[in-house]
Protein backbone atom coordinates (compact mmCIF):
# COMPACT_ATOMS: atom_id res chain seq x y z
CA MET A 1 -4.61 -14.92 9.02
CA PRO A 2 -8.04 -13.05 8.90
CA PRO A 3 -10.36 -14.36 11.36
CA THR A 4 -13.26 -16.44 9.99
CA GLY A 5 -16.89 -17.23 10.99
CA SER A 6 -20.43 -16.06 11.17
CA GLY A 7 -21.74 -12.82 12.75
CA ALA A 8 -19.12 -11.26 14.92
CA GLY A 9 -16.45 -13.30 12.90
CA ARG A 10 -17.71 -11.68 9.66
CA GLU A 11 -17.69 -8.52 11.27
CA SER A 12 -14.11 -9.02 12.59
CA SER A 13 -12.91 -10.24 8.98
CA ALA A 14 -14.33 -6.99 7.62
CA ARG A 15 -12.40 -4.99 10.12
CA TRP A 16 -9.27 -7.04 9.29
CA ALA A 17 -9.58 -6.51 5.42
CA ASP A 18 -10.03 -2.65 6.01
CA ARG A 19 -6.97 -2.57 8.28
CA SER A 20 -4.91 -4.48 5.53
CA LEU A 21 -6.17 -1.92 3.07
CA VAL A 22 -5.18 0.89 5.14
CA SER A 23 -1.93 -0.54 5.57
CA SER A 24 -1.17 -1.02 2.14
CA ARG A 25 -2.27 2.65 1.23
CA ALA A 26 -0.09 3.75 3.99
CA TRP A 27 3.02 2.21 2.75
CA PHE A 28 2.29 3.78 -0.80
CA ARG A 29 1.57 7.16 0.91
CA ILE A 30 4.88 7.15 2.93
CA GLU A 31 6.99 5.91 -0.15
CA GLN A 32 5.34 8.80 -2.38
CA GLU A 33 6.20 11.51 0.40
CA TYR A 34 9.76 10.00 0.97
CA ARG A 35 10.55 10.05 -2.54
CA ILE A 36 9.30 13.74 -2.85
CA LEU A 37 11.73 14.58 0.21
CA ASN A 38 14.79 12.39 -0.97
CA VAL A 39 14.83 12.69 -4.74
CA SER A 40 17.88 10.77 -6.13
CA SER A 41 20.37 12.21 -8.71
CA ASP A 42 20.64 8.95 -10.79
CA SER A 43 19.26 8.94 -14.25
CA SER A 44 15.97 6.82 -13.30
CA SER A 45 14.91 10.03 -11.14
CA LEU A 46 15.41 12.36 -14.39
CA GLY A 47 12.70 10.42 -16.34
CA PHE A 48 9.92 7.76 -16.05
CA ASP A 49 10.78 4.90 -13.89
CA ASP A 50 8.32 1.95 -14.40
CA ARG A 51 10.05 -0.35 -12.05
CA THR A 52 8.08 -1.45 -8.86
CA ALA A 53 9.30 -0.11 -5.44
CA LYS A 54 10.62 -3.58 -4.84
CA ALA A 55 12.63 -3.75 -7.98
CA ARG A 56 14.18 -0.10 -7.17
CA ILE A 57 15.14 -1.08 -3.54
CA ARG A 58 16.69 -4.42 -4.93
CA ASP A 59 18.68 -2.47 -7.72
CA ALA A 60 19.85 0.22 -5.23
CA ALA A 61 20.78 -2.60 -2.96
CA ILE A 62 22.93 -4.05 -5.29
CA GLU A 63 24.91 -0.48 -5.93
CA VAL A 64 25.31 0.09 -2.13
CA PHE A 65 26.69 -3.61 -1.52
CA ALA A 66 28.93 -3.39 -4.61
CA GLU A 67 30.17 0.04 -3.04
CA LEU A 68 30.27 -0.29 0.50
CA GLY A 69 30.60 -4.20 1.14
CA MET A 70 27.85 -6.46 2.85
CA ALA A 71 28.78 -5.62 6.68
CA ALA A 72 28.49 -1.69 6.19
CA THR A 73 25.23 -1.76 4.10
CA THR A 74 22.11 -0.93 6.31
CA ALA A 75 18.60 -0.67 5.22
CA ARG A 76 18.76 3.44 5.80
CA LYS A 77 21.63 3.50 3.34
CA VAL A 78 19.52 1.26 0.60
CA ALA A 79 16.48 3.12 1.42
CA SER A 80 18.31 6.53 0.75
CA ALA A 81 19.92 5.17 -2.50
CA ALA A 82 16.16 3.86 -3.54
CA GLY A 83 14.53 6.88 -2.70
CA VAL A 84 12.19 5.17 -0.26
CA SER A 85 11.69 4.80 3.45
CA PRO A 86 13.80 2.38 5.41
CA GLY A 87 10.56 0.72 6.79
CA LEU A 88 9.47 -0.07 3.00
CA VAL A 89 12.95 -1.95 2.55
CA MET A 90 11.74 -4.26 5.46
CA HIS A 91 8.36 -4.47 4.09
CA HIS A 92 9.31 -6.12 0.87
CA PHE A 93 12.36 -8.11 1.93
CA GLY A 94 12.04 -8.82 5.68
CA SER A 95 15.66 -8.38 6.71
CA MET A 96 18.91 -7.35 5.29
CA ASP A 97 19.53 -11.04 4.76
CA GLY A 98 16.27 -11.67 2.66
CA LEU A 99 17.39 -8.46 0.62
CA ARG A 100 20.91 -9.87 -0.05
CA VAL A 101 19.35 -13.07 -1.30
CA ALA A 102 17.03 -11.36 -3.68
CA CYS A 103 20.11 -9.43 -5.07
CA ASP A 104 22.06 -12.84 -5.48
CA GLU A 105 19.14 -14.25 -7.36
CA TYR A 106 18.62 -11.31 -9.59
CA VAL A 107 22.18 -10.86 -10.44
CA THR A 108 22.65 -14.82 -11.25
CA ALA A 109 19.25 -14.60 -13.24
CA VAL A 110 20.84 -11.44 -15.31
CA ILE A 111 24.16 -13.27 -16.04
CA ARG A 112 21.96 -16.52 -16.94
CA ASP A 113 19.95 -14.62 -19.63
CA VAL A 114 23.08 -12.52 -20.96
CA LYS A 115 25.35 -15.31 -21.48
CA GLY A 116 22.59 -17.88 -22.47
CA GLY A 117 21.37 -15.37 -25.05
CA ALA A 118 24.83 -14.96 -26.35
CA MET A 119 25.45 -18.72 -26.64
CA ALA A 120 21.72 -19.12 -28.37
CA ALA A 121 22.67 -16.46 -30.92
CA GLY A 122 25.70 -18.48 -32.17
CA SER A 123 27.30 -16.77 -35.22
CA ALA A 124 24.54 -14.00 -35.02
CA PHE A 125 26.07 -12.93 -31.58
CA ASP A 126 27.00 -9.15 -31.68
CA PRO A 127 29.72 -8.56 -29.11
CA LEU A 128 29.31 -4.57 -29.45
CA ALA A 129 25.55 -4.76 -28.69
CA ALA A 130 26.17 -7.00 -25.69
CA LEU A 131 28.74 -4.42 -24.53
CA ARG A 132 26.45 -1.57 -24.91
CA SER A 133 23.61 -3.45 -22.89
CA GLN A 134 25.91 -3.64 -20.04
CA GLN A 135 26.51 0.16 -19.86
CA SER A 136 23.32 0.80 -17.73
CA GLY A 137 21.83 -0.94 -14.76
CA PRO A 138 23.29 -1.96 -11.46
CA PRO A 139 27.01 -2.69 -11.18
CA PHE A 140 26.66 -6.73 -11.43
CA ALA A 141 30.42 -7.34 -11.61
CA LYS A 142 31.34 -5.29 -8.76
CA TYR A 143 28.53 -6.69 -6.53
CA LEU A 144 29.98 -10.20 -7.30
CA SER A 145 33.51 -9.06 -6.40
CA ARG A 146 32.24 -7.83 -3.24
CA THR A 147 29.92 -10.72 -2.11
CA LEU A 148 32.42 -13.41 -2.76
CA VAL A 149 34.81 -11.71 -0.64
CA ASP A 150 32.70 -10.68 2.25
CA GLY A 151 31.06 -14.00 2.50
CA SER A 152 27.83 -15.27 3.70
CA PRO A 153 25.92 -18.66 4.17
CA HIS A 154 24.51 -18.06 0.76
CA VAL A 155 27.70 -17.70 -1.27
CA ALA A 156 27.98 -21.25 -1.83
CA GLU A 157 24.42 -21.50 -3.31
CA LEU A 158 25.36 -18.46 -5.33
CA VAL A 159 28.46 -20.11 -6.80
CA ASP A 160 26.67 -23.43 -7.20
CA GLU A 161 23.89 -22.08 -9.34
CA LEU A 162 26.40 -19.90 -11.51
CA VAL A 163 28.21 -23.30 -12.41
CA THR A 164 24.81 -24.83 -13.04
CA ASP A 165 23.82 -22.20 -15.46
CA ALA A 166 27.26 -22.25 -16.95
CA VAL A 167 26.81 -25.95 -17.88
CA VAL A 168 23.58 -25.12 -19.66
CA TYR A 169 24.79 -22.17 -21.84
CA VAL A 170 28.32 -23.74 -22.54
CA GLU A 171 26.25 -26.91 -24.07
CA THR A 172 24.23 -24.35 -26.04
CA GLY A 173 27.29 -22.74 -27.26
CA VAL A 174 28.76 -26.12 -28.31
CA LYS A 175 25.50 -26.90 -30.34
CA ASN A 176 25.65 -23.69 -32.09
CA GLY A 177 29.33 -24.23 -33.01
CA MET A 178 30.67 -21.37 -30.84
CA LEU A 179 32.60 -23.67 -28.36
CA THR A 180 34.28 -27.00 -28.65
CA PRO A 181 32.66 -29.91 -27.08
CA SER A 182 34.21 -31.50 -23.93
CA LYS A 183 34.51 -34.85 -22.21
CA TYR A 184 34.08 -33.06 -18.89
CA PRO A 185 31.34 -30.66 -19.37
CA HIS A 186 30.70 -29.84 -15.82
CA GLU A 187 34.22 -29.89 -14.83
CA ARG A 188 35.00 -27.44 -17.64
CA ALA A 189 32.08 -25.01 -16.61
CA ALA A 190 33.06 -25.18 -13.07
CA ILE A 191 36.54 -24.39 -13.80
CA LEU A 192 35.87 -21.43 -16.42
CA THR A 193 33.37 -20.09 -13.73
CA MET A 194 36.00 -20.14 -10.86
CA TRP A 195 38.49 -18.31 -13.36
CA SER A 196 36.06 -15.71 -13.81
CA LEU A 197 35.04 -15.08 -10.28
CA GLY A 198 38.63 -15.15 -9.60
CA ALA A 199 39.37 -12.56 -11.88
CA LEU A 200 36.60 -10.30 -10.36
CA VAL A 201 38.02 -10.93 -6.91
CA LEU A 202 41.20 -9.78 -7.76
CA HIS A 203 40.08 -6.97 -10.19
CA GLU A 204 42.23 -4.32 -8.40
CA HIS A 205 45.28 -6.33 -8.94
CA LEU A 206 44.29 -7.05 -12.47
CA ALA A 207 43.72 -3.41 -13.17
CA ARG A 208 47.21 -2.57 -11.63
CA LEU A 209 48.91 -5.44 -13.66
CA ILE A 210 47.12 -4.73 -17.47
CA GLY A 211 45.48 -1.58 -17.12
CA ILE A 212 41.83 -2.36 -16.96
CA ASP A 213 39.19 -2.78 -14.23
CA ILE A 214 36.80 -5.72 -15.44
CA THR A 215 34.30 -4.53 -12.76
CA GLU A 216 33.62 -1.20 -14.41
CA PRO A 217 31.75 -0.48 -17.71
CA LEU A 218 33.71 -0.25 -20.91
CA ASP A 219 32.59 2.78 -23.11
CA ASP A 220 35.31 1.82 -25.69
CA PRO A 221 35.78 -1.63 -26.84
CA GLN A 222 39.37 -0.99 -27.71
CA ALA A 223 39.80 -0.57 -24.14
CA ALA A 224 39.17 -4.02 -23.33
CA ALA A 225 42.03 -5.30 -25.71
CA SER A 226 44.39 -5.74 -22.90
CA TYR A 227 42.05 -8.13 -21.29
CA VAL A 228 40.52 -9.88 -24.35
CA ALA A 229 43.33 -10.37 -26.70
CA PRO A 230 45.40 -12.34 -24.10
CA ALA A 231 42.19 -14.22 -22.86
CA LEU A 232 41.33 -15.45 -26.38
CA GLU A 233 45.10 -16.46 -26.79
CA ILE A 234 44.89 -18.55 -23.71
CA LEU A 235 41.42 -20.09 -24.59
CA SER A 236 42.06 -20.67 -28.24
CA GLY A 237 45.45 -22.53 -27.79
CA PHE A 238 47.97 -21.41 -25.15
CA LEU A 239 49.46 -25.04 -25.07
CA THR A 240 51.06 -26.78 -27.98
CA ASP A 241 49.81 -30.08 -28.97
CA THR A 242 53.07 -31.74 -27.55
CA THR A 243 52.46 -30.21 -24.12
CA VAL A 244 48.83 -31.15 -24.21
CA GLN A 245 49.47 -34.74 -25.07
CA MET A 246 52.31 -34.92 -22.35
CA MET A 247 49.92 -33.44 -19.71
CA SER A 248 47.06 -35.83 -20.78
CA GLU A 249 49.31 -38.77 -20.63
CA THR A 250 50.26 -37.85 -17.01
CA PHE A 251 46.99 -36.80 -15.60
CA VAL A 252 44.10 -37.98 -17.61
CA SER A 253 45.43 -40.99 -19.35
CA GLY A 254 42.31 -43.46 -19.52
CA GLU A 255 40.27 -41.20 -17.19
CA LYS A 256 36.73 -41.55 -18.32
CA GLU A 257 37.47 -44.26 -20.91
CA GLU A 258 36.84 -47.17 -18.60
CA SER A 259 33.23 -45.86 -17.92
């Protein structure tokens, strides 16, 4: 906090403000010099990148976390990937834990926007446009596959937020006629989210078994057929009406009807 008061206090406050300004300018100068000496080879370095330094660090961290895992990722490695100084990473996020929380929040927000937008579009939803939009940017799927396995005190918060968001956009899909209604909206959203996250965690085995890595961008929509086609079959009616009735009578007969 800056000193307050009159006389000497005001003079001290002025010195404090000057130091703050110098500090901010120093960080900016250090970052510019560091970027000149550490030119990244990614696409953003080849053209104009209007992201803030904080956003560049966050996006770079998502890539490094996804590639190396949480334990092996350091501020220096993130700084190198972002083209900034290690000190600037700590300046913006305080700690590696703070950086990871910021990454979790951003990944969750992007998933919310993408899936929420798809459900809001209803019959106007364009799967190919959605697929193309995922070709650039940080590797969100691979990041999730890493963070869920490596674990941290924040994983439960991340999963809870993903489920909470799923409840909202699934309900939007129901209203727009893309999804069928459910007697168990929260439970259904939770189970679908767990299935999706489980597939991400086991993506290497999925790739070995059906030949597609769902954590990698897809350039050709047809390349996703081995995953999408059976998934659609499962979601659109894997069980016959007779089997559904039998299972319902055994496990859910009378449930929620009493309430």
